[in-house]
Amino acid sequence: MYQSNLHTENTIRLMEIVLALTGDDKCYPYQNPPYALDHDGVITLSGALRSELNKNGNQDLVVWAHQNIVSLFKES
């Protein structure tokens, strides 16, 4: 699979997981983002998101999510 196709597929999969976790949360994503970014640039995924990514079928997204989640949620 081409890199751009893989990136698109992973983006869709991650966003579907995040959407399923956030459901009706009216504060999402501004007050309850699915990750935290500290002053050193270290990313910490939320506990619920980590749990979902550690399930069978999603484990391949763990590293990818750490590398890409900030750019997916960056405000334009």
PDB file of N, CA and C in Angstrom:
ATOM      1  N   MET A   1       0.850  -1.177   0.000  1.00  0.00           N
ATOM      2  CA  MET A   1       0.000   0.000   0.000  1.00  0.00           C
ATOM      3  C   MET A   1       0.896   1.241   0.000  1.00  0.00           C
ATOM      4  N   TYR A   2       0.539   2.231  -0.743  1.00  0.00           N
ATOM      5  CA  TYR A   2       1.307   3.458  -0.807  1.00  0.00           C
ATOM      6  C   TYR A   2       1.249   4.171   0.531  1.00  0.00           C
ATOM      7  N   GLN A   3       2.303   4.933   0.843  1.00  0.00           N
ATOM      8  CA  GLN A   3       2.370   5.654   2.116  1.00  0.00           C
ATOM      9  C   GLN A   3       1.185   6.584   2.309  1.00  0.00           C
ATOM     10  N   SER A   4       0.786   7.332   1.286  1.00  0.00           N
ATOM     11  CA  SER A   4      -0.326   8.261   1.435  1.00  0.00           C
ATOM     12  C   SER A   4      -1.632   7.513   1.695  1.00  0.00           C
ATOM     13  N   ASN A   5      -1.804   6.344   1.062  1.00  0.00           N
ATOM     14  CA  ASN A   5      -2.998   5.533   1.314  1.00  0.00           C
ATOM     15  C   ASN A   5      -2.992   4.984   2.732  1.00  0.00           C
ATOM     16  N   LEU A   6      -1.821   4.564   3.205  1.00  0.00           N
ATOM     17  CA  LEU A   6      -1.692   4.055   4.567  1.00  0.00           C
ATOM     18  C   LEU A   6      -1.984   5.161   5.568  1.00  0.00           C
ATOM     19  N   HIS A   7      -1.467   6.360   5.300  1.00  0.00           N
ATOM     20  CA  HIS A   7      -1.727   7.500   6.180  1.00  0.00           C
ATOM     21  C   HIS A   7      -3.230   7.801   6.233  1.00  0.00           C
ATOM     22  N   THR A   8      -3.868   7.799   5.082  1.00  0.00           N
ATOM     23  CA  THR A   8      -5.312   8.059   5.021  1.00  0.00           C
ATOM     24  C   THR A   8      -6.083   6.984   5.765  1.00  0.00           C
ATOM     25  N   GLU A   9      -5.740   5.738   5.544  1.00  0.00           N
ATOM     26  CA  GLU A   9      -6.426   4.630   6.216  1.00  0.00           C
ATOM     27  C   GLU A   9      -6.249   4.721   7.736  1.00  0.00           C
ATOM     28  N   ASN A  10      -5.024   4.992   8.179  1.00  0.00           N
ATOM     29  CA  ASN A  10      -4.768   5.107   9.614  1.00  0.00           C
ATOM     30  C   ASN A  10      -5.499   6.306  10.217  1.00  0.00           C
ATOM     31  N   THR A  11      -5.555   7.400   9.486  1.00  0.00           N
ATOM     32  CA  THR A  11      -6.279   8.579   9.954  1.00  0.00           C
ATOM     33  C   THR A  11      -7.751   8.245  10.172  1.00  0.00           C
ATOM     34  N   ILE A  12      -8.345   7.593   9.205  1.00  0.00           N
ATOM     35  CA  ILE A  12      -9.764   7.227   9.304  1.00  0.00           C
ATOM     36  C   ILE A  12      -9.990   6.282  10.480  1.00  0.00           C
ATOM     37  N   ARG A  13      -9.147   5.281  10.619  1.00  0.00           N
ATOM     38  CA  ARG A  13      -9.301   4.326  11.717  1.00  0.00           C
ATOM     39  C   ARG A  13      -9.167   5.018  13.069  1.00  0.00           C
ATOM     40  N   LEU A  14      -8.162   5.885  13.213  1.00  0.00           N
ATOM     41  CA  LEU A  14      -7.955   6.577  14.484  1.00  0.00           C
ATOM     42  C   LEU A  14      -9.115   7.509  14.789  1.00  0.00           C
ATOM     43  N   MET A  15      -9.579   8.237  13.798  1.00  0.00           N
ATOM     44  CA  MET A  15     -10.686   9.165  14.023  1.00  0.00           C
ATOM     45  C   MET A  15     -11.973   8.418  14.355  1.00  0.00           C
ATOM     46  N   GLU A  16     -12.189   7.259  13.778  1.00  0.00           N
ATOM     47  CA  GLU A  16     -13.363   6.453  14.122  1.00  0.00           C
ATOM     48  C   GLU A  16     -13.302   5.995  15.577  1.00  0.00           C
ATOM     49  N   ILE A  17     -12.110   5.618  16.031  1.00  0.00           N
ATOM     50  CA  ILE A  17     -11.930   5.216  17.426  1.00  0.00           C
ATOM     51  C   ILE A  17     -12.194   6.399  18.348  1.00  0.00           C
ATOM     52  N   VAL A  18     -11.606   7.550  18.024  1.00  0.00           N
ATOM     53  CA  VAL A  18     -11.794   8.742  18.846  1.00  0.00           C
ATOM     54  C   VAL A  18     -13.267   9.136  18.881  1.00  0.00           C
ATOM     55  N   LEU A  19     -13.923   9.112  17.753  1.00  0.00           N
ATOM     56  CA  LEU A  19     -15.345   9.455  17.695  1.00  0.00           C
ATOM     57  C   LEU A  19     -16.180   8.502  18.548  1.00  0.00           C
ATOM     58  N   ALA A  20     -15.875   7.214  18.475  1.00  0.00           N
ATOM     59  CA  ALA A  20     -16.603   6.231  19.286  1.00  0.00           C
ATOM     60  C   ALA A  20     -16.387   6.485  20.781  1.00  0.00           C
ATOM     61  N   LEU A  21     -15.204   6.948  21.148  1.00  0.00           N
ATOM     62  CA  LEU A  21     -14.899   7.210  22.560  1.00  0.00           C
ATOM     63  C   LEU A  21     -15.546   8.495  23.062  1.00  0.00           C
ATOM     64  N   THR A  22     -15.632   9.486  22.210  1.00  0.00           N
ATOM     65  CA  THR A  22     -16.112  10.793  22.650  1.00  0.00           C
ATOM     66  C   THR A  22     -17.621  10.906  22.573  1.00  0.00           C
ATOM     67  N   GLY A  23     -18.240  10.172  21.657  1.00  0.00           N
ATOM     68  CA  GLY A  23     -19.690  10.127  21.553  1.00  0.00           C
ATOM     69  C   GLY A  23     -20.365  11.483  21.642  1.00  0.00           C
ATOM     70  N   ASP A  24     -21.106  11.689  22.705  1.00  0.00           N
ATOM     71  CA  ASP A  24     -21.891  12.912  22.876  1.00  0.00           C
ATOM     72  C   ASP A  24     -21.184  13.976  23.707  1.00  0.00           C
ATOM     73  N   ASP A  25     -19.888  13.868  23.884  1.00  0.00           N
ATOM     74  CA  ASP A  25     -19.146  14.835  24.696  1.00  0.00           C
ATOM     75  C   ASP A  25     -19.132  16.192  23.996  1.00  0.00           C
ATOM     76  N   LYS A  26     -19.888  17.120  24.493  1.00  0.00           N
ATOM     77  CA  LYS A  26     -20.025  18.449  23.878  1.00  0.00           C
ATOM     78  C   LYS A  26     -18.740  19.281  23.998  1.00  0.00           C
ATOM     79  N   CYS A  27     -17.867  18.930  24.926  1.00  0.00           N
ATOM     80  CA  CYS A  27     -16.618  19.677  25.129  1.00  0.00           C
ATOM     81  C   CYS A  27     -15.484  19.183  24.234  1.00  0.00           C
ATOM     82  N   TYR A  28     -15.703  18.043  23.582  1.00  0.00           N
ATOM     83  CA  TYR A  28     -14.685  17.478  22.703  1.00  0.00           C
ATOM     84  C   TYR A  28     -14.621  18.263  21.411  1.00  0.00           C
ATOM     85  N   PRO A  29     -13.480  18.546  20.831  1.00  0.00           N
ATOM     86  CA  PRO A  29     -12.135  18.182  21.266  1.00  0.00           C
ATOM     87  C   PRO A  29     -11.426  19.288  22.039  1.00  0.00           C
ATOM     88  N   TYR A  30     -12.093  20.401  22.238  1.00  0.00           N
ATOM     89  CA  TYR A  30     -11.397  21.560  22.788  1.00  0.00           C
ATOM     90  C   TYR A  30     -11.066  21.449  24.266  1.00  0.00           C
ATOM     91  N   GLN A  31     -11.956  20.906  25.072  1.00  0.00           N
ATOM     92  CA  GLN A  31     -11.669  20.770  26.492  1.00  0.00           C
ATOM     93  C   GLN A  31     -11.253  19.352  26.870  1.00  0.00           C
ATOM     94  N   ASN A  32     -11.573  18.405  26.036  1.00  0.00           N
ATOM     95  CA  ASN A  32     -11.258  17.003  26.325  1.00  0.00           C
ATOM     96  C   ASN A  32     -10.570  16.332  25.137  1.00  0.00           C
ATOM     97  N   PRO A  33      -9.394  16.805  24.756  1.00  0.00           N
ATOM     98  CA  PRO A  33      -8.729  16.187  23.607  1.00  0.00           C
ATOM     99  C   PRO A  33      -8.301  14.756  23.944  1.00  0.00           C
ATOM    100  N   PRO A  34      -8.105  13.929  22.929  1.00  0.00           N
ATOM    101  CA  PRO A  34      -7.740  12.536  23.166  1.00  0.00           C
ATOM    102  C   PRO A  34      -6.251  12.346  23.485  1.00  0.00           C
ATOM    103  N   TYR A  35      -5.536  13.436  23.710  1.00  0.00           N
ATOM    104  CA  TYR A  35      -4.111  13.358  24.032  1.00  0.00           C
ATOM    105  C   TYR A  35      -3.720  14.612  24.798  1.00  0.00           C
ATOM    106  N   ALA A  36      -2.542  14.544  25.421  1.00  0.00           N
ATOM    107  CA  ALA A  36      -1.948  15.717  26.064  1.00  0.00           C
ATOM    108  C   ALA A  36      -0.560  15.898  25.471  1.00  0.00           C
ATOM    109  N   LEU A  37      -0.157  17.128  25.361  1.00  0.00           N
ATOM    110  CA  LEU A  37       1.158  17.472  24.824  1.00  0.00           C
ATOM    111  C   LEU A  37       1.849  18.331  25.870  1.00  0.00           C
ATOM    112  N   ASP A  38       2.965  17.844  26.416  1.00  0.00           N
ATOM    113  CA  ASP A  38       3.631  18.621  27.461  1.00  0.00           C
ATOM    114  C   ASP A  38       4.575  19.656  26.862  1.00  0.00           C
ATOM    115  N   HIS A  39       5.193  20.461  27.715  1.00  0.00           N
ATOM    116  CA  HIS A  39       6.042  21.560  27.240  1.00  0.00           C
ATOM    117  C   HIS A  39       7.289  21.072  26.503  1.00  0.00           C
ATOM    118  N   ASP A  40       7.651  19.806  26.669  1.00  0.00           N
ATOM    119  CA  ASP A  40       8.792  19.235  25.955  1.00  0.00           C
ATOM    120  C   ASP A  40       8.384  18.548  24.651  1.00  0.00           C
ATOM    121  N   GLY A  41       7.076  18.596  24.339  1.00  0.00           N
ATOM    122  CA  GLY A  41       6.586  17.980  23.114  1.00  0.00           C
ATOM    123  C   GLY A  41       6.274  16.502  23.237  1.00  0.00           C
ATOM    124  N   VAL A  42       6.274  15.989  24.468  1.00  0.00           N
ATOM    125  CA  VAL A  42       5.961  14.585  24.688  1.00  0.00           C
ATOM    126  C   VAL A  42       4.441  14.404  24.656  1.00  0.00           C
ATOM    127  N   ILE A  43       3.993  13.450  23.868  1.00  0.00           N
ATOM    128  CA  ILE A  43       2.565  13.183  23.697  1.00  0.00           C
ATOM    129  C   ILE A  43       2.152  12.041  24.620  1.00  0.00           C
ATOM    130  N   THR A  44       1.046  12.261  25.321  1.00  0.00           N
ATOM    131  CA  THR A  44       0.450  11.220  26.146  1.00  0.00           C
ATOM    132  C   THR A  44      -0.986  11.033  25.665  1.00  0.00           C
ATOM    133  N   LEU A  45      -1.288   9.845  25.204  1.00  0.00           N
ATOM    134  CA  LEU A  45      -2.644   9.543  24.757  1.00  0.00           C
ATOM    135  C   LEU A  45      -3.539   9.376  25.977  1.00  0.00           C
ATOM    136  N   SER A  46      -4.810   9.740  25.842  1.00  0.00           N
ATOM    137  CA  SER A  46      -5.745   9.566  26.951  1.00  0.00           C
ATOM    138  C   SER A  46      -5.844   8.083  27.303  1.00  0.00           C
ATOM    139  N   GLY A  47      -6.236   7.805  28.532  1.00  0.00           N
ATOM    140  CA  GLY A  47      -6.339   6.422  28.979  1.00  0.00           C
ATOM    141  C   GLY A  47      -7.303   5.612  28.137  1.00  0.00           C
ATOM    142  N   ALA A  48      -8.448   6.207  27.817  1.00  0.00           N
ATOM    143  CA  ALA A  48      -9.449   5.492  27.014  1.00  0.00           C
ATOM    144  C   ALA A  48      -8.910   5.197  25.617  1.00  0.00           C
ATOM    145  N   LEU A  49      -8.216   6.157  25.033  1.00  0.00           N
ATOM    146  CA  LEU A  49      -7.660   5.950  23.695  1.00  0.00           C
ATOM    147  C   LEU A  49      -6.559   4.891  23.734  1.00  0.00           C
ATOM    148  N   ARG A  50      -5.699   4.955  24.741  1.00  0.00           N
ATOM    149  CA  ARG A  50      -4.650   3.930  24.882  1.00  0.00           C
ATOM    150  C   ARG A  50      -5.263   2.540  24.982  1.00  0.00           C
ATOM    151  N   SER A  51      -6.327   2.421  25.776  1.00  0.00           N
ATOM    152  CA  SER A  51      -6.990   1.121  25.944  1.00  0.00           C
ATOM    153  C   SER A  51      -7.509   0.595  24.616  1.00  0.00           C
ATOM    154  N   GLU A  52      -8.143   1.463  23.833  1.00  0.00           N
ATOM    155  CA  GLU A  52      -8.673   1.039  22.533  1.00  0.00           C
ATOM    156  C   GLU A  52      -7.558   0.662  21.565  1.00  0.00           C
ATOM    157  N   LEU A  53      -6.480   1.421  21.581  1.00  0.00           N
ATOM    158  CA  LEU A  53      -5.387   1.137  20.652  1.00  0.00           C
ATOM    159  C   LEU A  53      -4.636  -0.140  21.024  1.00  0.00           C
ATOM    160  N   ASN A  54      -4.710  -0.533  22.282  1.00  0.00           N
ATOM    161  CA  ASN A  54      -4.031  -1.762  22.713  1.00  0.00           C
ATOM    162  C   ASN A  54      -4.854  -3.018  22.455  1.00  0.00           C
ATOM    163  N   LYS A  55      -6.066  -2.857  21.972  1.00  0.00           N
ATOM    164  CA  LYS A  55      -6.898  -4.012  21.640  1.00  0.00           C
ATOM    165  C   LYS A  55      -6.420  -4.641  20.333  1.00  0.00           C
ATOM    166  N   ASN A  56      -6.698  -5.940  20.196  1.00  0.00           N
ATOM    167  CA  ASN A  56      -6.354  -6.633  18.948  1.00  0.00           C
ATOM    168  C   ASN A  56      -6.973  -5.905  17.763  1.00  0.00           C
ATOM    169  N   GLY A  57      -6.214  -5.752  16.726  1.00  0.00           N
ATOM    170  CA  GLY A  57      -6.693  -5.093  15.519  1.00  0.00           C
ATOM    171  C   GLY A  57      -6.363  -3.614  15.474  1.00  0.00           C
ATOM    172  N   ASN A  58      -6.005  -3.042  16.616  1.00  0.00           N
ATOM    173  CA  ASN A  58      -5.673  -1.614  16.656  1.00  0.00           C
ATOM    174  C   ASN A  58      -4.227  -1.361  17.066  1.00  0.00           C
ATOM    175  N   GLN A  59      -3.522  -2.391  17.468  1.00  0.00           N
ATOM    176  CA  GLN A  59      -2.183  -2.215  18.004  1.00  0.00           C
ATOM    177  C   GLN A  59      -1.206  -1.587  17.016  1.00  0.00           C
ATOM    178  N   ASP A  60      -1.456  -1.778  15.732  1.00  0.00           N
ATOM    179  CA  ASP A  60      -0.573  -1.181  14.729  1.00  0.00           C
ATOM    180  C   ASP A  60      -0.697   0.341  14.694  1.00  0.00           C
ATOM    181  N   LEU A  61      -1.734   0.883  15.321  1.00  0.00           N
ATOM    182  CA  LEU A  61      -1.935   2.334  15.335  1.00  0.00           C
ATOM    183  C   LEU A  61      -1.235   3.045  16.491  1.00  0.00           C
ATOM    184  N   VAL A  62      -0.729   2.309  17.479  1.00  0.00           N
ATOM    185  CA  VAL A  62      -0.160   2.947  18.675  1.00  0.00           C
ATOM    186  C   VAL A  62       0.969   3.902  18.301  1.00  0.00           C
ATOM    187  N   VAL A  63       1.986   3.416  17.645  1.00  0.00           N
ATOM    188  CA  VAL A  63       3.131   4.259  17.272  1.00  0.00           C
ATOM    189  C   VAL A  63       2.693   5.333  16.285  1.00  0.00           C
ATOM    190  N   TRP A  64       1.880   4.953  15.316  1.00  0.00           N
ATOM    191  CA  TRP A  64       1.406   5.908  14.317  1.00  0.00           C
ATOM    192  C   TRP A  64       0.636   7.047  14.973  1.00  0.00           C
ATOM    193  N   ALA A  65      -0.218   6.725  15.938  1.00  0.00           N
ATOM    194  CA  ALA A  65      -0.996   7.755  16.634  1.00  0.00           C
ATOM    195  C   ALA A  65      -0.081   8.722  17.364  1.00  0.00           C
ATOM    196  N   HIS A  66       0.938   8.215  18.038  1.00  0.00           N
ATOM    197  CA  HIS A  66       1.885   9.098  18.724  1.00  0.00           C
ATOM    198  C   HIS A  66       2.582  10.036  17.733  1.00  0.00           C
ATOM    199  N   GLN A  67       2.867   9.554  16.557  1.00  0.00           N
ATOM    200  CA  GLN A  67       3.579  10.353  15.561  1.00  0.00           C
ATOM    201  C   GLN A  67       2.680  11.351  14.838  1.00  0.00           C
ATOM    202  N   ASN A  68       1.377  11.098  14.790  1.00  0.00           N
ATOM    203  CA  ASN A  68       0.502  11.895  13.922  1.00  0.00           C
ATOM    204  C   ASN A  68      -0.668  12.589  14.593  1.00  0.00           C
ATOM    205  N   ILE A  69      -0.997  12.257  15.820  1.00  0.00           N
ATOM    206  CA  ILE A  69      -2.233  12.758  16.415  1.00  0.00           C
ATOM    207  C   ILE A  69      -2.252  14.278  16.555  1.00  0.00           C
ATOM    208  N   VAL A  70      -1.121  14.887  16.874  1.00  0.00           N
ATOM    209  CA  VAL A  70      -1.100  16.343  17.037  1.00  0.00           C
ATOM    210  C   VAL A  70      -1.464  17.034  15.730  1.00  0.00           C
ATOM    211  N   SER A  71      -0.914  16.576  14.625  1.00  0.00           N
ATOM    212  CA  SER A  71      -1.231  17.210  13.345  1.00  0.00           C
ATOM    213  C   SER A  71      -2.680  16.992  12.944  1.00  0.00           C
ATOM    214  N   LEU A  72      -3.280  15.901  13.367  1.00  0.00           N
ATOM    215  CA  LEU A  72      -4.690  15.645  13.035  1.00  0.00           C
ATOM    216  C   LEU A  72      -5.636  16.570  13.788  1.00  0.00           C
ATOM    217  N   PHE A  73      -5.230  17.014  14.968  1.00  0.00           N
ATOM    218  CA  PHE A  73      -6.103  17.852  15.782  1.00  0.00           C
ATOM    219  C   PHE A  73      -5.673  19.311  15.832  1.00  0.00           C
ATOM    220  N   LYS A  74      -4.614  19.640  15.093  1.00  0.00           N
ATOM    221  CA  LYS A  74      -4.126  21.019  15.090  1.00  0.00           C
ATOM    222  C   LYS A  74      -5.161  21.932  14.440  1.00  0.00           C
ATOM    223  N   GLU A  75      -5.426  23.046  15.116  1.00  0.00           N
ATOM    224  CA  GLU A  75      -6.380  24.005  14.556  1.00  0.00           C
ATOM    225  C   GLU A  75      -5.762  24.709  13.350  1.00  0.00           C
ATOM    226  N   SER A  76      -6.556  24.917  12.345  1.00  0.00           N
ATOM    227  CA  SER A  76      -6.074  25.583  11.114  1.00  0.00           C
ATOM    228  C   SER A  76      -6.014  27.070  11.299  1.00  0.00           C
TER     229      SER A  76
END
